[in-house]
């Protein structure tokens, strides 16, 4: 069931009504939807805001999943989505998202706000595979936010067969884990001295 705090254009309110409410300060934009200005932004609301894009057959991945998991503050300009069902999808087109046809195994998916999202471990691995600054920064934010996530991601990579970007992803995650360990040891030393 969709959240009563999410307003989509032309569902309960028209585009004109939502625009007027936004100008009056009653609602604010969240992803592809609007929420009341005084609502607390949660992972469920962030994920639910993508319901029109994802439906039941697609999953949010990469920076979109990192945004839903609250590792990055802003949604990406174009969401990254991937097939979450075994059957091939045809005519998956849109300017608001980038579609990847490879199916995500169900064990790497979680349902947040009524839509499929890659779990944190898979999201970290996907971010590390990309190799650019935005994805690397999101990967660093995830390893800093959730202790032990890097080790789980390295275990997933080790247990997986070959896939594109496996070595660079493992190297980046190992480096981020080491930096986090050194940083936390420095914090302990500073407070115990």
C-alpha atoms as a PDB file:
ATOM      1  CA  UNK A   1       0.000   0.000   0.000  1.00  0.00           C
ATOM      2  CA  UNK A   2       1.448   3.394  -0.950  1.00  0.00           C
ATOM      3  CA  UNK A   3       2.328   5.835   1.786  1.00  0.00           C
ATOM      4  CA  UNK A   4      -0.278   8.500   2.547  1.00  0.00           C
ATOM      5  CA  UNK A   5       2.619  10.967   2.878  1.00  0.00           C
ATOM      6  CA  UNK A   6       3.642  10.666  -0.780  1.00  0.00           C
ATOM      7  CA  UNK A   7       1.982  12.758  -3.455  1.00  0.00           C
ATOM      8  CA  UNK A   8       2.560  11.947  -7.116  1.00  0.00           C
ATOM      9  CA  UNK A   9       1.694  14.263  -9.975  1.00  0.00           C
ATOM     10  CA  UNK A  10      -1.782  13.531 -11.361  1.00  0.00           C
ATOM     11  CA  UNK A  11      -2.625  10.873  -8.771  1.00  0.00           C
ATOM     12  CA  UNK A  12      -4.441  12.544  -5.858  1.00  0.00           C
ATOM     13  CA  UNK A  13      -3.422  16.065  -6.849  1.00  0.00           C
ATOM     14  CA  UNK A  14      -2.783  17.620 -10.235  1.00  0.00           C
ATOM     15  CA  UNK A  15       0.565  19.068 -11.240  1.00  0.00           C
ATOM     16  CA  UNK A  16      -0.867  22.569 -10.762  1.00  0.00           C
ATOM     17  CA  UNK A  17      -2.097  21.760  -7.250  1.00  0.00           C
ATOM     18  CA  UNK A  18       1.252  20.243  -6.254  1.00  0.00           C
ATOM     19  CA  UNK A  19       3.135  23.208  -7.697  1.00  0.00           C
ATOM     20  CA  UNK A  20       0.927  25.635  -5.764  1.00  0.00           C
ATOM     21  CA  UNK A  21       1.347  23.600  -2.563  1.00  0.00           C
ATOM     22  CA  UNK A  22       5.120  23.607  -3.087  1.00  0.00           C
ATOM     23  CA  UNK A  23       5.188  27.365  -3.628  1.00  0.00           C
ATOM     24  CA  UNK A  24       3.091  27.839  -0.478  1.00  0.00           C
ATOM     25  CA  UNK A  25       5.545  25.670   1.488  1.00  0.00           C
ATOM     26  CA  UNK A  26       3.099  22.855   2.225  1.00  0.00           C
ATOM     27  CA  UNK A  27       5.005  20.137   0.331  1.00  0.00           C
ATOM     28  CA  UNK A  28       8.607  19.565  -0.730  1.00  0.00           C
ATOM     29  CA  UNK A  29      10.045  17.437  -3.511  1.00  0.00           C
ATOM     30  CA  UNK A  30      11.403  14.016  -2.661  1.00  0.00           C
ATOM     31  CA  UNK A  31      12.691  11.999  -5.577  1.00  0.00           C
ATOM     32  CA  UNK A  32       9.855  11.773  -8.087  1.00  0.00           C
ATOM     33  CA  UNK A  33       7.128  12.665  -5.596  1.00  0.00           C
ATOM     34  CA  UNK A  34       6.254  15.244  -2.944  1.00  0.00           C
ATOM     35  CA  UNK A  35       5.918  14.899   0.819  1.00  0.00           C
ATOM     36  CA  UNK A  36       4.438  17.238   3.445  1.00  0.00           C
ATOM     37  CA  UNK A  37       6.979  19.889   4.409  1.00  0.00           C
ATOM     38  CA  UNK A  38       6.976  18.740   8.029  1.00  0.00           C
ATOM     39  CA  UNK A  39       7.319  15.001   7.282  1.00  0.00           C
ATOM     40  CA  UNK A  40      10.473  13.199   8.332  1.00  0.00           C
ATOM     41  CA  UNK A  41      12.343  11.883   5.294  1.00  0.00           C
ATOM     42  CA  UNK A  42      12.773   8.125   5.703  1.00  0.00           C
ATOM     43  CA  UNK A  43      14.150   5.331   3.554  1.00  0.00           C
ATOM     44  CA  UNK A  44      10.587   4.118   2.964  1.00  0.00           C
ATOM     45  CA  UNK A  45       9.521   7.535   1.664  1.00  0.00           C
ATOM     46  CA  UNK A  46      12.622   7.874  -0.531  1.00  0.00           C
ATOM     47  CA  UNK A  47      12.014   4.415  -2.012  1.00  0.00           C
ATOM     48  CA  UNK A  48       8.278   4.950  -2.346  1.00  0.00           C
ATOM     49  CA  UNK A  49       8.893   8.142  -4.286  1.00  0.00           C
ATOM     50  CA  UNK A  50      10.273   5.942  -7.087  1.00  0.00           C
ATOM     51  CA  UNK A  51       7.195   3.701  -7.243  1.00  0.00           C
ATOM     52  CA  UNK A  52       6.095   5.048 -10.632  1.00  0.00           C
ATOM     53  CA  UNK A  53       9.520   4.289 -12.134  1.00  0.00           C
ATOM     54  CA  UNK A  54      10.168   0.915 -10.488  1.00  0.00           C
ATOM     55  CA  UNK A  55       6.764  -0.713 -10.261  1.00  0.00           C
ATOM     56  CA  UNK A  56       7.073  -4.358  -9.220  1.00  0.00           C
ATOM     57  CA  UNK A  57       9.560  -5.523 -11.874  1.00  0.00           C
ATOM     58  CA  UNK A  58      12.500  -3.148 -11.425  1.00  0.00           C
ATOM     59  CA  UNK A  59      14.862  -2.500  -8.525  1.00  0.00           C
ATOM     60  CA  UNK A  60      16.766   0.623  -7.536  1.00  0.00           C
ATOM     61  CA  UNK A  61      20.535   0.057  -7.679  1.00  0.00           C
ATOM     62  CA  UNK A  62      23.841   1.952  -7.466  1.00  0.00           C
ATOM     63  CA  UNK A  63      23.464   5.640  -6.491  1.00  0.00           C
ATOM     64  CA  UNK A  64      19.679   5.332  -6.358  1.00  0.00           C
ATOM     65  CA  UNK A  65      19.939   2.535  -3.798  1.00  0.00           C
ATOM     66  CA  UNK A  66      22.634   4.469  -1.885  1.00  0.00           C
ATOM     67  CA  UNK A  67      20.238   7.449  -1.716  1.00  0.00           C
ATOM     68  CA  UNK A  68      17.394   5.235  -0.487  1.00  0.00           C
ATOM     69  CA  UNK A  69      19.692   3.697   2.164  1.00  0.00           C
ATOM     70  CA  UNK A  70      20.607   7.291   3.193  1.00  0.00           C
ATOM     71  CA  UNK A  71      24.290   7.042   2.297  1.00  0.00           C
ATOM     72  CA  UNK A  72      24.068  10.069  -0.014  1.00  0.00           C
ATOM     73  CA  UNK A  73      21.988  13.174   0.595  1.00  0.00           C
ATOM     74  CA  UNK A  74      20.580  13.833  -2.877  1.00  0.00           C
ATOM     75  CA  UNK A  75      19.049  11.529  -5.455  1.00  0.00           C
ATOM     76  CA  UNK A  76      21.038  11.059  -8.656  1.00  0.00           C
ATOM     77  CA  UNK A  77      19.917  13.056 -11.703  1.00  0.00           C
ATOM     78  CA  UNK A  78      19.067   9.764 -13.449  1.00  0.00           C
ATOM     79  CA  UNK A  79      18.158   6.741 -11.363  1.00  0.00           C
ATOM     80  CA  UNK A  80      19.820   3.404 -12.049  1.00  0.00           C
ATOM     81  CA  UNK A  81      17.368   0.529 -12.230  1.00  0.00           C
ATOM     82  CA  UNK A  82      17.763  -3.140 -12.912  1.00  0.00           C
ATOM     83  CA  UNK A  83      15.494  -6.066 -13.639  1.00  0.00           C
ATOM     84  CA  UNK A  84      14.171  -7.797 -10.493  1.00  0.00           C
ATOM     85  CA  UNK A  85      12.187 -10.542 -12.249  1.00  0.00           C
ATOM     86  CA  UNK A  86      13.417 -13.582 -14.216  1.00  0.00           C
ATOM     87  CA  UNK A  87      11.622 -12.730 -17.465  1.00  0.00           C
ATOM     88  CA  UNK A  88      13.201 -10.293 -19.896  1.00  0.00           C
ATOM     89  CA  UNK A  89      11.561  -6.891 -20.082  1.00  0.00           C
ATOM     90  CA  UNK A  90      10.910  -5.127 -23.350  1.00  0.00           C
ATOM     91  CA  UNK A  91      10.438  -1.439 -24.027  1.00  0.00           C
ATOM     92  CA  UNK A  92      11.908  -0.251 -20.742  1.00  0.00           C
ATOM     93  CA  UNK A  93      12.605   3.324 -21.732  1.00  0.00           C
ATOM     94  CA  UNK A  94      12.711   6.545 -19.794  1.00  0.00           C
ATOM     95  CA  UNK A  95      14.650   9.769 -19.507  1.00  0.00           C
ATOM     96  CA  UNK A  96      14.563   9.663 -15.713  1.00  0.00           C
ATOM     97  CA  UNK A  97      16.410   6.361 -15.363  1.00  0.00           C
ATOM     98  CA  UNK A  98      19.187   4.187 -16.758  1.00  0.00           C
ATOM     99  CA  UNK A  99      18.106   0.572 -17.231  1.00  0.00           C
ATOM    100  CA  UNK A 100      20.359  -2.474 -16.845  1.00  0.00           C
ATOM    101  CA  UNK A 101      18.907  -5.738 -18.101  1.00  0.00           C
ATOM    102  CA  UNK A 102      20.816  -8.224 -15.919  1.00  0.00           C
ATOM    103  CA  UNK A 103      18.545  -9.723 -13.269  1.00  0.00           C
ATOM    104  CA  UNK A 104      19.394  -9.122  -9.634  1.00  0.00           C
ATOM    105  CA  UNK A 105      19.096 -12.353  -7.628  1.00  0.00           C
ATOM    106  CA  UNK A 106      16.323 -12.219  -5.007  1.00  0.00           C
ATOM    107  CA  UNK A 107      18.805 -12.731  -2.153  1.00  0.00           C
ATOM    108  CA  UNK A 108      20.349  -9.333  -2.997  1.00  0.00           C
ATOM    109  CA  UNK A 109      17.016  -7.479  -2.911  1.00  0.00           C
ATOM    110  CA  UNK A 110      15.085  -5.928  -0.098  1.00  0.00           C
ATOM    111  CA  UNK A 111      11.665  -4.310  -0.204  1.00  0.00           C
ATOM    112  CA  UNK A 112      11.682  -0.745   1.098  1.00  0.00           C
ATOM    113  CA  UNK A 113       8.621   1.458   0.853  1.00  0.00           C
ATOM    114  CA  UNK A 114       6.900  -1.107  -1.346  1.00  0.00           C
ATOM    115  CA  UNK A 115       9.607  -1.217  -4.033  1.00  0.00           C
ATOM    116  CA  UNK A 116      12.647  -3.423  -4.682  1.00  0.00           C
ATOM    117  CA  UNK A 117      16.050  -2.039  -3.713  1.00  0.00           C
ATOM    118  CA  UNK A 118      19.417  -3.766  -3.668  1.00  0.00           C
ATOM    119  CA  UNK A 119      20.482  -4.526  -0.109  1.00  0.00           C
ATOM    120  CA  UNK A 120      23.349  -2.568   1.427  1.00  0.00           C
ATOM    121  CA  UNK A 121      26.013  -5.186   0.687  1.00  0.00           C
ATOM    122  CA  UNK A 122      25.073  -5.493  -2.995  1.00  0.00           C
ATOM    123  CA  UNK A 123      24.754  -1.710  -3.260  1.00  0.00           C
ATOM    124  CA  UNK A 124      28.300  -1.255  -1.938  1.00  0.00           C
ATOM    125  CA  UNK A 125      29.670  -3.817  -4.410  1.00  0.00           C
ATOM    126  CA  UNK A 126      27.801  -2.149  -7.306  1.00  0.00           C
ATOM    127  CA  UNK A 127      29.117   1.288  -6.318  1.00  0.00           C
ATOM    128  CA  UNK A 128      32.694   0.024  -6.047  1.00  0.00           C
ATOM    129  CA  UNK A 129      32.504  -1.579  -9.520  1.00  0.00           C
ATOM    130  CA  UNK A 130      31.769   1.733 -11.262  1.00  0.00           C
ATOM    131  CA  UNK A 131      35.132   3.375 -10.595  1.00  0.00           C
ATOM    132  CA  UNK A 132      34.136   7.064 -10.845  1.00  0.00           C
ATOM    133  CA  UNK A 133      34.260   9.762  -8.167  1.00  0.00           C
ATOM    134  CA  UNK A 134      30.532   9.943  -7.391  1.00  0.00           C
ATOM    135  CA  UNK A 135      30.199   6.185  -6.957  1.00  0.00           C
ATOM    136  CA  UNK A 136      33.454   6.021  -4.979  1.00  0.00           C
ATOM    137  CA  UNK A 137      32.298   8.764  -2.614  1.00  0.00           C
ATOM    138  CA  UNK A 138      29.003   6.946  -2.060  1.00  0.00           C
ATOM    139  CA  UNK A 139      30.895   3.697  -1.390  1.00  0.00           C
ATOM    140  CA  UNK A 140      33.070   5.511   1.175  1.00  0.00           C
ATOM    141  CA  UNK A 141      29.977   6.968   2.829  1.00  0.00           C
ATOM    142  CA  UNK A 142      28.431   3.521   3.103  1.00  0.00           C
ATOM    143  CA  UNK A 143      31.533   1.952   4.666  1.00  0.00           C
ATOM    144  CA  UNK A 144      31.791   4.828   7.151  1.00  0.00           C
ATOM    145  CA  UNK A 145      28.134   4.677   8.085  1.00  0.00           C
ATOM    146  CA  UNK A 146      27.789   0.921   8.634  1.00  0.00           C
ATOM    147  CA  UNK A 147      30.704  -0.819  10.398  1.00  0.00           C
ATOM    148  CA  UNK A 148      31.274  -4.309   9.061  1.00  0.00           C
ATOM    149  CA  UNK A 149      29.587  -3.613   5.719  1.00  0.00           C
ATOM    150  CA  UNK A 150      32.915  -3.584   3.862  1.00  0.00           C
ATOM    151  CA  UNK A 151      33.815  -7.014   5.240  1.00  0.00           C
ATOM    152  CA  UNK A 152      30.413  -8.401   4.176  1.00  0.00           C
ATOM    153  CA  UNK A 153      30.916  -6.932   0.695  1.00  0.00           C
ATOM    154  CA  UNK A 154      34.398  -8.473   0.425  1.00  0.00           C
ATOM    155  CA  UNK A 155      32.947 -11.842   1.457  1.00  0.00           C
ATOM    156  CA  UNK A 156      30.244 -11.507  -1.220  1.00  0.00           C
ATOM    157  CA  UNK A 157      32.860 -10.685  -3.857  1.00  0.00           C
ATOM    158  CA  UNK A 158      35.020 -13.646  -2.808  1.00  0.00           C
ATOM    159  CA  UNK A 159      32.037 -16.016  -2.968  1.00  0.00           C
ATOM    160  CA  UNK A 160      30.926 -14.739  -6.398  1.00  0.00           C
ATOM    161  CA  UNK A 161      32.086 -16.045  -9.724  1.00  0.00           C
ATOM    162  CA  UNK A 162      33.737 -13.772 -12.251  1.00  0.00           C
ATOM    163  CA  UNK A 163      32.013 -10.481 -13.017  1.00  0.00           C
ATOM    164  CA  UNK A 164      33.122  -7.211 -14.637  1.00  0.00           C
ATOM    165  CA  UNK A 165      35.070  -4.960 -12.287  1.00  0.00           C
ATOM    166  CA  UNK A 166      35.545  -7.620  -9.605  1.00  0.00           C
ATOM    167  CA  UNK A 167      39.217  -6.876  -8.827  1.00  0.00           C
ATOM    168  CA  UNK A 168      38.928  -3.071  -8.776  1.00  0.00           C
ATOM    169  CA  UNK A 169      35.800  -3.331  -6.606  1.00  0.00           C
ATOM    170  CA  UNK A 170      37.530  -5.614  -4.116  1.00  0.00           C
ATOM    171  CA  UNK A 171      40.554  -3.294  -4.038  1.00  0.00           C
ATOM    172  CA  UNK A 172      38.453  -0.189  -3.403  1.00  0.00           C
ATOM    173  CA  UNK A 173      36.378  -1.829  -0.675  1.00  0.00           C
ATOM    174  CA  UNK A 174      39.500  -3.236   1.020  1.00  0.00           C
ATOM    175  CA  UNK A 175      41.103   0.230   0.937  1.00  0.00           C
ATOM    176  CA  UNK A 176      37.964   1.858   2.365  1.00  0.00           C
ATOM    177  CA  UNK A 177      37.816  -0.773   5.106  1.00  0.00           C
ATOM    178  CA  UNK A 178      41.475  -0.189   5.997  1.00  0.00           C
ATOM    179  CA  UNK A 179      40.972   3.594   6.059  1.00  0.00           C
ATOM    180  CA  UNK A 180      37.963   3.188   8.318  1.00  0.00           C
ATOM    181  CA  UNK A 181      39.896   0.887  10.661  1.00  0.00           C
ATOM    182  CA  UNK A 182      42.829   3.317  10.865  1.00  0.00           C
ATOM    183  CA  UNK A 183      40.432   6.236  11.396  1.00  0.00           C
ATOM    184  CA  UNK A 184      38.588   4.481  14.229  1.00  0.00           C
ATOM    185  CA  UNK A 185      41.887   3.513  15.907  1.00  0.00           C
ATOM    186  CA  UNK A 186      42.988   7.164  15.722  1.00  0.00           C
ATOM    187  CA  UNK A 187      39.706   8.191  17.385  1.00  0.00           C
ATOM    188  CA  UNK A 188      40.211   5.674  20.207  1.00  0.00           C
ATOM    189  CA  UNK A 189      43.811   6.857  20.717  1.00  0.00           C
ATOM    190  CA  UNK A 190      42.757  10.508  20.780  1.00  0.00           C
ATOM    191  CA  UNK A 191      40.048   9.929  23.411  1.00  0.00           C
ATOM    192  CA  UNK A 192      42.094   7.587  25.614  1.00  0.00           C
ATOM    193  CA  UNK A 193      45.218   9.758  25.690  1.00  0.00           C
END
